[in-house]
Amino acid sequence: MPPASDDGLIERGVARSTLFQGRMLQAVKDEVVLPDGSPAVREFVIHSGAVMIIPLLPDQQLVMERQYRYPVGRVMLEFPAGKLDPGEASLVCAERELKEETGYTAAEWAFAGVLHPVISYSTEHIDVWFARGLTSGARHLDEGEFLDVCAVHVDQLAAWAVQGAVTDAKTLIGLLWLQNHLSGAWPLNWLPADSTQHVVPAGPWSPSVSGKPST
C-alpha cells in the first residue's frame, strides 16, 4: 500500500533561470529544496505537450508514418503525432495532425490516456487518442516536413518492436494500449468526432517556484 503522504519525496522550487529559449522548447534551471532541507539544482526542458493518434483501419491495419528524426539520425516508424499549439484543445490538435500528416479524417475518437516520455528532464506530456471510421483525403504537410504514410498490421508492428526495429517510446506505448484494447482488457469510450462529451485531458504539467524567477 502506498504511503499516506508524499511529503518525504517532494522537492520544492525556489528560483528559476532560463538557460535557452527556442521556437519549440525552453530549457531552465531551478534551485530546489530537497525533502531533507538541503539545496539542489534541476535542469529541465519545458514543453507545451503533444498528442499521438492511433488510427485504426479494417482488419487490424494501422495508419503509421515513417520520417527522419535528426537527433537520432534515423528514419523512425511512428504513430501520427504533433505538438499542441498554445491554448489548443487536445482533440482539436489530434484531428488537425491526423488530417495534415496523413490526409485521414475519423468519424469516431476515443481518449486512452496520457504519457510522460522523458520525466527525468522534460515536462512534455503526450495525450493518446484512438481514431476509427477513417476517410482518406489530401495531406497538408508543414513547410519543411517530409514523411511517408503506410499501413501496418498490428502483428507486424509487434514483431518489429520485439526485434528492436521500433524504438520510439510513444509508439511502443501506443502498441501497448492497442494490444490491451484488442484483448478487451483496456476498453475505450468511442464517441462521434463532433460529440461534446469527449474527455478534456489535464495538462500541461510544470513545476512552480515560490521565489521570483531570475533572468
C-alpha atoms as a PDB file:
ATOM      1  CA  MET A   1       0.000   0.000   0.000  1.00  0.00           C
ATOM      2  CA  PRO A   2       1.390   3.479  -0.903  1.00  0.00           C
ATOM      3  CA  PRO A   3       2.230   5.866   1.953  1.00  0.00           C
ATOM      4  CA  ALA A   4      -0.421   8.309   3.120  1.00  0.00           C
ATOM      5  CA  SER A   5       1.766  11.286   2.181  1.00  0.00           C
ATOM      6  CA  ASP A   6       4.449  12.047  -0.421  1.00  0.00           C
ATOM      7  CA  ASP A   7       5.981  14.849   1.663  1.00  0.00           C
ATOM      8  CA  GLY A   8       9.156  12.858   2.187  1.00  0.00           C
ATOM      9  CA  LEU A   9       9.763  12.788  -1.593  1.00  0.00           C
ATOM     10  CA  ILE A  10       8.693  16.195  -2.892  1.00  0.00           C
ATOM     11  CA  GLU A  11      11.281  18.774  -3.988  1.00  0.00           C
ATOM     12  CA  ARG A  12      10.236  22.431  -3.823  1.00  0.00           C
ATOM     13  CA  GLY A  13      11.430  25.009  -6.314  1.00  0.00           C
ATOM     14  CA  VAL A  14      12.522  28.418  -5.014  1.00  0.00           C
ATOM     15  CA  ALA A  15      14.026  30.177  -8.059  1.00  0.00           C
ATOM     16  CA  ARG A  16      14.249  29.701 -11.823  1.00  0.00           C
ATOM     17  CA  SER A  17      16.535  30.967 -14.565  1.00  0.00           C
ATOM     18  CA  THR A  18      16.212  30.436 -18.318  1.00  0.00           C
ATOM     19  CA  LEU A  19      19.149  28.704 -19.984  1.00  0.00           C
ATOM     20  CA  PHE A  20      17.729  28.638 -23.513  1.00  0.00           C
ATOM     21  CA  GLN A  21      14.596  29.867 -25.261  1.00  0.00           C
ATOM     22  CA  GLY A  22      13.869  28.260 -28.603  1.00  0.00           C
ATOM     23  CA  ARG A  23      10.980  28.068 -31.023  1.00  0.00           C
ATOM     24  CA  MET A  24       9.598  24.805 -29.623  1.00  0.00           C
ATOM     25  CA  LEU A  25      11.000  24.498 -26.124  1.00  0.00           C
ATOM     26  CA  GLN A  26      12.637  26.263 -23.192  1.00  0.00           C
ATOM     27  CA  ALA A  27      15.496  24.972 -21.055  1.00  0.00           C
ATOM     28  CA  VAL A  28      15.529  26.189 -17.451  1.00  0.00           C
ATOM     29  CA  LYS A  29      17.474  25.739 -14.241  1.00  0.00           C
ATOM     30  CA  ASP A  30      15.581  25.617 -10.946  1.00  0.00           C
ATOM     31  CA  GLU A  31      17.057  25.983  -7.490  1.00  0.00           C
ATOM     32  CA  VAL A  32      15.195  23.496  -5.290  1.00  0.00           C
ATOM     33  CA  VAL A  33      14.986  22.413  -1.679  1.00  0.00           C
ATOM     34  CA  LEU A  34      15.131  18.643  -1.167  1.00  0.00           C
ATOM     35  CA  PRO A  35      12.876  16.830   1.338  1.00  0.00           C
ATOM     36  CA  ASP A  36      15.661  16.912   3.963  1.00  0.00           C
ATOM     37  CA  GLY A  37      16.090  20.696   3.548  1.00  0.00           C
ATOM     38  CA  SER A  38      19.325  20.613   1.532  1.00  0.00           C
ATOM     39  CA  PRO A  39      19.669  22.625  -1.702  1.00  0.00           C
ATOM     40  CA  ALA A  40      19.985  21.181  -5.220  1.00  0.00           C
ATOM     41  CA  VAL A  41      19.715  22.235  -8.854  1.00  0.00           C
ATOM     42  CA  ARG A  42      17.397  20.775 -11.500  1.00  0.00           C
ATOM     43  CA  GLU A  43      17.874  21.470 -15.214  1.00  0.00           C
ATOM     44  CA  PHE A  44      14.996  20.504 -17.487  1.00  0.00           C
ATOM     45  CA  VAL A  45      13.050  21.339 -20.633  1.00  0.00           C
ATOM     46  CA  ILE A  46       9.630  22.974 -20.599  1.00  0.00           C
ATOM     47  CA  HIS A  47       7.436  21.658 -23.422  1.00  0.00           C
ATOM     48  CA  SER A  48       3.814  22.580 -24.127  1.00  0.00           C
ATOM     49  CA  GLY A  49       2.788  18.980 -24.788  1.00  0.00           C
ATOM     50  CA  ALA A  50       1.640  16.936 -27.747  1.00  0.00           C
ATOM     51  CA  VAL A  51      -0.870  14.393 -28.986  1.00  0.00           C
ATOM     52  CA  MET A  52      -0.493  10.955 -30.567  1.00  0.00           C
ATOM     53  CA  ILE A  53      -3.130   9.249 -32.682  1.00  0.00           C
ATOM     54  CA  ILE A  54      -3.608   5.500 -33.165  1.00  0.00           C
ATOM     55  CA  PRO A  55      -5.666   5.385 -36.396  1.00  0.00           C
ATOM     56  CA  LEU A  56      -7.463   2.064 -36.926  1.00  0.00           C
ATOM     57  CA  LEU A  57      -8.123   0.685 -40.396  1.00  0.00           C
ATOM     58  CA  PRO A  58     -10.123  -2.518 -41.082  1.00  0.00           C
ATOM     59  CA  ASP A  59      -8.538  -5.933 -40.425  1.00  0.00           C
ATOM     60  CA  GLN A  60      -6.246  -4.625 -37.637  1.00  0.00           C
ATOM     61  CA  GLN A  61      -4.298  -2.397 -40.001  1.00  0.00           C
ATOM     62  CA  LEU A  62      -2.896   0.857 -38.634  1.00  0.00           C
ATOM     63  CA  VAL A  63      -2.067   4.166 -40.269  1.00  0.00           C
ATOM     64  CA  MET A  64       1.573   4.925 -39.469  1.00  0.00           C
ATOM     65  CA  GLU A  65       4.333   7.246 -40.595  1.00  0.00           C
ATOM     66  CA  ARG A  66       7.998   6.987 -41.476  1.00  0.00           C
ATOM     67  CA  GLN A  67      10.112  10.089 -41.032  1.00  0.00           C
ATOM     68  CA  TYR A  68      13.717  11.037 -40.435  1.00  0.00           C
ATOM     69  CA  ARG A  69      14.430  12.166 -36.891  1.00  0.00           C
ATOM     70  CA  TYR A  70      17.534  14.311 -36.901  1.00  0.00           C
ATOM     71  CA  PRO A  71      18.544  13.952 -33.206  1.00  0.00           C
ATOM     72  CA  VAL A  72      18.885  10.163 -33.548  1.00  0.00           C
ATOM     73  CA  GLY A  73      19.920  10.158 -37.214  1.00  0.00           C
ATOM     74  CA  ARG A  74      17.352   7.526 -38.225  1.00  0.00           C
ATOM     75  CA  VAL A  75      14.149   7.068 -40.150  1.00  0.00           C
ATOM     76  CA  MET A  76      11.610   6.078 -37.488  1.00  0.00           C
ATOM     77  CA  LEU A  77       8.279   4.278 -37.730  1.00  0.00           C
ATOM     78  CA  GLU A  78       5.742   6.157 -35.614  1.00  0.00           C
ATOM     79  CA  PHE A  79       2.084   6.769 -34.982  1.00  0.00           C
ATOM     80  CA  PRO A  80       0.948  10.212 -36.168  1.00  0.00           C
ATOM     81  CA  ALA A  81       1.647  12.879 -33.568  1.00  0.00           C
ATOM     82  CA  GLY A  82       2.124  16.585 -33.178  1.00  0.00           C
ATOM     83  CA  LYS A  83       2.735  19.446 -30.795  1.00  0.00           C
ATOM     84  CA  LEU A  84      -0.114  21.278 -29.106  1.00  0.00           C
ATOM     85  CA  ASP A  85      -0.407  24.919 -30.060  1.00  0.00           C
ATOM     86  CA  PRO A  86      -0.825  27.361 -27.131  1.00  0.00           C
ATOM     87  CA  GLY A  87      -4.367  27.057 -25.795  1.00  0.00           C
ATOM     88  CA  GLU A  88      -5.319  24.367 -28.340  1.00  0.00           C
ATOM     89  CA  ALA A  89      -7.728  21.642 -27.233  1.00  0.00           C
ATOM     90  CA  SER A  90      -6.255  18.146 -27.276  1.00  0.00           C
ATOM     91  CA  LEU A  91      -8.825  16.581 -29.628  1.00  0.00           C
ATOM     92  CA  VAL A  92      -8.691  19.573 -31.968  1.00  0.00           C
ATOM     93  CA  CYS A  93      -4.941  19.078 -32.210  1.00  0.00           C
ATOM     94  CA  ALA A  94      -5.365  15.337 -32.821  1.00  0.00           C
ATOM     95  CA  GLU A  95      -7.853  15.929 -35.639  1.00  0.00           C
ATOM     96  CA  ARG A  96      -5.601  18.567 -37.171  1.00  0.00           C
ATOM     97  CA  GLU A  97      -2.442  16.487 -37.021  1.00  0.00           C
ATOM     98  CA  LEU A  98      -4.141  13.372 -38.421  1.00  0.00           C
ATOM     99  CA  LYS A  99      -5.526  15.347 -41.361  1.00  0.00           C
ATOM    100  CA  GLU A 100      -2.377  17.340 -42.062  1.00  0.00           C
ATOM    101  CA  GLU A 101       0.069  14.441 -41.834  1.00  0.00           C
ATOM    102  CA  THR A 102      -1.923  11.511 -43.250  1.00  0.00           C
ATOM    103  CA  GLY A 103      -4.907  13.026 -45.065  1.00  0.00           C
ATOM    104  CA  TYR A 104      -7.337  10.953 -42.985  1.00  0.00           C
ATOM    105  CA  THR A 105     -10.335  12.172 -41.016  1.00  0.00           C
ATOM    106  CA  ALA A 106     -12.045   9.998 -38.394  1.00  0.00           C
ATOM    107  CA  ALA A 107     -15.737   9.510 -37.636  1.00  0.00           C
ATOM    108  CA  GLU A 108     -15.096   8.382 -34.056  1.00  0.00           C
ATOM    109  CA  TRP A 109     -12.480   9.152 -31.418  1.00  0.00           C
ATOM    110  CA  ALA A 110     -11.581   7.689 -28.024  1.00  0.00           C
ATOM    111  CA  PHE A 111      -9.215   9.116 -25.425  1.00  0.00           C
ATOM    112  CA  ALA A 112      -6.865   6.488 -23.997  1.00  0.00           C
ATOM    113  CA  GLY A 113      -4.616   8.321 -21.536  1.00  0.00           C
ATOM    114  CA  VAL A 114      -1.537  10.453 -21.018  1.00  0.00           C
ATOM    115  CA  LEU A 115       2.124   9.510 -21.171  1.00  0.00           C
ATOM    116  CA  HIS A 116       5.200  11.410 -19.986  1.00  0.00           C
ATOM    117  CA  PRO A 117       8.034  10.282 -22.292  1.00  0.00           C
ATOM    118  CA  VAL A 118      11.037  11.803 -20.505  1.00  0.00           C
ATOM    119  CA  ILE A 119      10.193  12.525 -16.859  1.00  0.00           C
ATOM    120  CA  SER A 120      13.844  12.978 -15.861  1.00  0.00           C
ATOM    121  CA  TYR A 121      14.446  16.138 -17.902  1.00  0.00           C
ATOM    122  CA  SER A 122      11.265  17.368 -19.609  1.00  0.00           C
ATOM    123  CA  THR A 123       7.736  18.454 -18.745  1.00  0.00           C
ATOM    124  CA  GLU A 124       6.447  17.018 -22.032  1.00  0.00           C
ATOM    125  CA  HIS A 125       3.218  15.055 -21.929  1.00  0.00           C
ATOM    126  CA  ILE A 126       1.500  13.263 -24.819  1.00  0.00           C
ATOM    127  CA  ASP A 127      -2.264  12.725 -24.971  1.00  0.00           C
ATOM    128  CA  VAL A 128      -3.058   9.368 -26.579  1.00  0.00           C
ATOM    129  CA  TRP A 129      -6.106   9.226 -28.873  1.00  0.00           C
ATOM    130  CA  PHE A 130      -7.600   6.369 -30.895  1.00  0.00           C
ATOM    131  CA  ALA A 131      -9.393   7.101 -34.183  1.00  0.00           C
ATOM    132  CA  ARG A 132     -11.600   4.895 -36.365  1.00  0.00           C
ATOM    133  CA  GLY A 133     -14.070   5.199 -39.221  1.00  0.00           C
ATOM    134  CA  LEU A 134     -11.318   6.724 -41.332  1.00  0.00           C
ATOM    135  CA  THR A 135     -11.852   8.541 -44.625  1.00  0.00           C
ATOM    136  CA  SER A 136      -8.830   9.308 -46.783  1.00  0.00           C
ATOM    137  CA  GLY A 137      -8.107  12.710 -48.283  1.00  0.00           C
ATOM    138  CA  ALA A 138      -5.309  15.095 -49.202  1.00  0.00           C
ATOM    139  CA  ARG A 139      -2.414  15.748 -46.857  1.00  0.00           C
ATOM    140  CA  HIS A 140      -1.273  19.237 -45.885  1.00  0.00           C
ATOM    141  CA  LEU A 141       2.270  18.900 -44.568  1.00  0.00           C
ATOM    142  CA  ASP A 142       4.031  21.828 -42.938  1.00  0.00           C
ATOM    143  CA  GLU A 143       6.775  23.533 -44.888  1.00  0.00           C
ATOM    144  CA  GLY A 144       9.956  21.513 -44.492  1.00  0.00           C
ATOM    145  CA  GLU A 145       8.085  18.396 -43.302  1.00  0.00           C
ATOM    146  CA  PHE A 146       8.782  15.148 -45.128  1.00  0.00           C
ATOM    147  CA  LEU A 147       7.195  11.838 -44.184  1.00  0.00           C
ATOM    148  CA  ASP A 148       5.738   8.687 -45.735  1.00  0.00           C
ATOM    149  CA  VAL A 149       2.361   7.266 -44.715  1.00  0.00           C
ATOM    150  CA  CYS A 150       1.911   3.499 -44.614  1.00  0.00           C
ATOM    151  CA  ALA A 151      -0.490   0.817 -43.381  1.00  0.00           C
ATOM    152  CA  VAL A 152       0.969  -1.663 -40.870  1.00  0.00           C
ATOM    153  CA  HIS A 153      -0.735  -4.704 -39.356  1.00  0.00           C
ATOM    154  CA  VAL A 154      -0.707  -4.784 -35.565  1.00  0.00           C
ATOM    155  CA  ASP A 155       1.082  -8.167 -35.579  1.00  0.00           C
ATOM    156  CA  GLN A 156       3.831  -6.771 -37.810  1.00  0.00           C
ATOM    157  CA  LEU A 157       4.260  -3.752 -35.548  1.00  0.00           C
ATOM    158  CA  ALA A 158       4.554  -6.064 -32.542  1.00  0.00           C
ATOM    159  CA  ALA A 159       7.150  -8.197 -34.340  1.00  0.00           C
ATOM    160  CA  TRP A 160       9.219  -5.144 -35.228  1.00  0.00           C
ATOM    161  CA  ALA A 161       9.022  -3.967 -31.609  1.00  0.00           C
ATOM    162  CA  VAL A 162      10.353  -7.328 -30.374  1.00  0.00           C
ATOM    163  CA  GLN A 163      13.163  -7.174 -32.945  1.00  0.00           C
ATOM    164  CA  GLY A 164      14.165  -3.678 -31.810  1.00  0.00           C
ATOM    165  CA  ALA A 165      13.257  -2.123 -35.154  1.00  0.00           C
ATOM    166  CA  VAL A 166      10.697   0.140 -33.481  1.00  0.00           C
ATOM    167  CA  THR A 167      12.177   2.141 -30.609  1.00  0.00           C
ATOM    168  CA  ASP A 168      10.075   5.319 -30.483  1.00  0.00           C
ATOM    169  CA  ALA A 169       8.720   5.495 -26.931  1.00  0.00           C
ATOM    170  CA  LYS A 170       5.298   6.905 -27.755  1.00  0.00           C
ATOM    171  CA  THR A 171       4.749   4.300 -30.482  1.00  0.00           C
ATOM    172  CA  LEU A 172       5.671   1.462 -28.128  1.00  0.00           C
ATOM    173  CA  ILE A 173       3.202   2.822 -25.554  1.00  0.00           C
ATOM    174  CA  GLY A 174       0.613   3.086 -28.329  1.00  0.00           C
ATOM    175  CA  LEU A 175       1.200  -0.569 -29.176  1.00  0.00           C
ATOM    176  CA  LEU A 176       0.739  -1.482 -25.505  1.00  0.00           C
ATOM    177  CA  TRP A 177      -2.592   0.352 -25.399  1.00  0.00           C
ATOM    178  CA  LEU A 178      -3.679  -1.189 -28.698  1.00  0.00           C
ATOM    179  CA  GLN A 179      -2.874  -4.768 -27.693  1.00  0.00           C
ATOM    180  CA  ASN A 180      -4.727  -4.392 -24.402  1.00  0.00           C
ATOM    181  CA  HIS A 181      -7.679  -2.785 -26.163  1.00  0.00           C
ATOM    182  CA  LEU A 182      -7.887  -5.592 -28.730  1.00  0.00           C
ATOM    183  CA  SER A 183      -7.743  -8.184 -25.938  1.00  0.00           C
ATOM    184  CA  GLY A 184     -10.630  -6.473 -24.133  1.00  0.00           C
ATOM    185  CA  ALA A 185      -8.531  -5.635 -21.079  1.00  0.00           C
ATOM    186  CA  TRP A 186      -8.472  -1.867 -21.656  1.00  0.00           C
ATOM    187  CA  PRO A 187     -11.860  -0.679 -23.018  1.00  0.00           C
ATOM    188  CA  LEU A 188     -12.254   2.626 -24.812  1.00  0.00           C
ATOM    189  CA  ASN A 189     -15.176   5.054 -24.823  1.00  0.00           C
ATOM    190  CA  TRP A 190     -15.797   5.745 -28.512  1.00  0.00           C
ATOM    191  CA  LEU A 191     -17.670   8.944 -29.372  1.00  0.00           C
ATOM    192  CA  PRO A 192     -18.505  10.741 -32.637  1.00  0.00           C
ATOM    193  CA  ALA A 193     -15.957  13.317 -33.685  1.00  0.00           C
ATOM    194  CA  ASP A 194     -18.385  16.166 -33.031  1.00  0.00           C
ATOM    195  CA  SER A 195     -19.533  14.923 -29.599  1.00  0.00           C
ATOM    196  CA  THR A 196     -19.392  17.383 -26.709  1.00  0.00           C
ATOM    197  CA  GLN A 197     -18.741  14.521 -24.255  1.00  0.00           C
ATOM    198  CA  HIS A 198     -15.094  13.894 -25.124  1.00  0.00           C
ATOM    199  CA  VAL A 199     -12.573  13.857 -22.291  1.00  0.00           C
ATOM    200  CA  VAL A 200     -10.611  17.067 -21.807  1.00  0.00           C
ATOM    201  CA  PRO A 201      -7.178  15.840 -20.680  1.00  0.00           C
ATOM    202  CA  ALA A 202      -5.350  17.654 -17.904  1.00  0.00           C
ATOM    203  CA  GLY A 203      -2.076  19.360 -18.635  1.00  0.00           C
ATOM    204  CA  PRO A 204       0.382  20.699 -19.314  1.00  0.00           C
ATOM    205  CA  TRP A 205       2.318  19.938 -16.153  1.00  0.00           C
ATOM    206  CA  SER A 206       5.235  22.043 -14.955  1.00  0.00           C
ATOM    207  CA  PRO A 207       6.803  22.626 -11.531  1.00  0.00           C
ATOM    208  CA  SER A 208       6.291  26.033  -9.998  1.00  0.00           C
ATOM    209  CA  VAL A 209       8.753  28.048  -7.961  1.00  0.00           C
ATOM    210  CA  SER A 210       7.878  30.052  -4.868  1.00  0.00           C
ATOM    211  CA  GLY A 211      10.534  32.668  -5.474  1.00  0.00           C
ATOM    212  CA  LYS A 212      10.554  35.183  -8.305  1.00  0.00           C
ATOM    213  CA  PRO A 213      12.180  33.685 -11.457  1.00  0.00           C
ATOM    214  CA  SER A 214      15.597  35.151 -12.212  1.00  0.00           C
ATOM    215  CA  THR A 215      16.689  36.231 -15.682  1.00  0.00           C
END
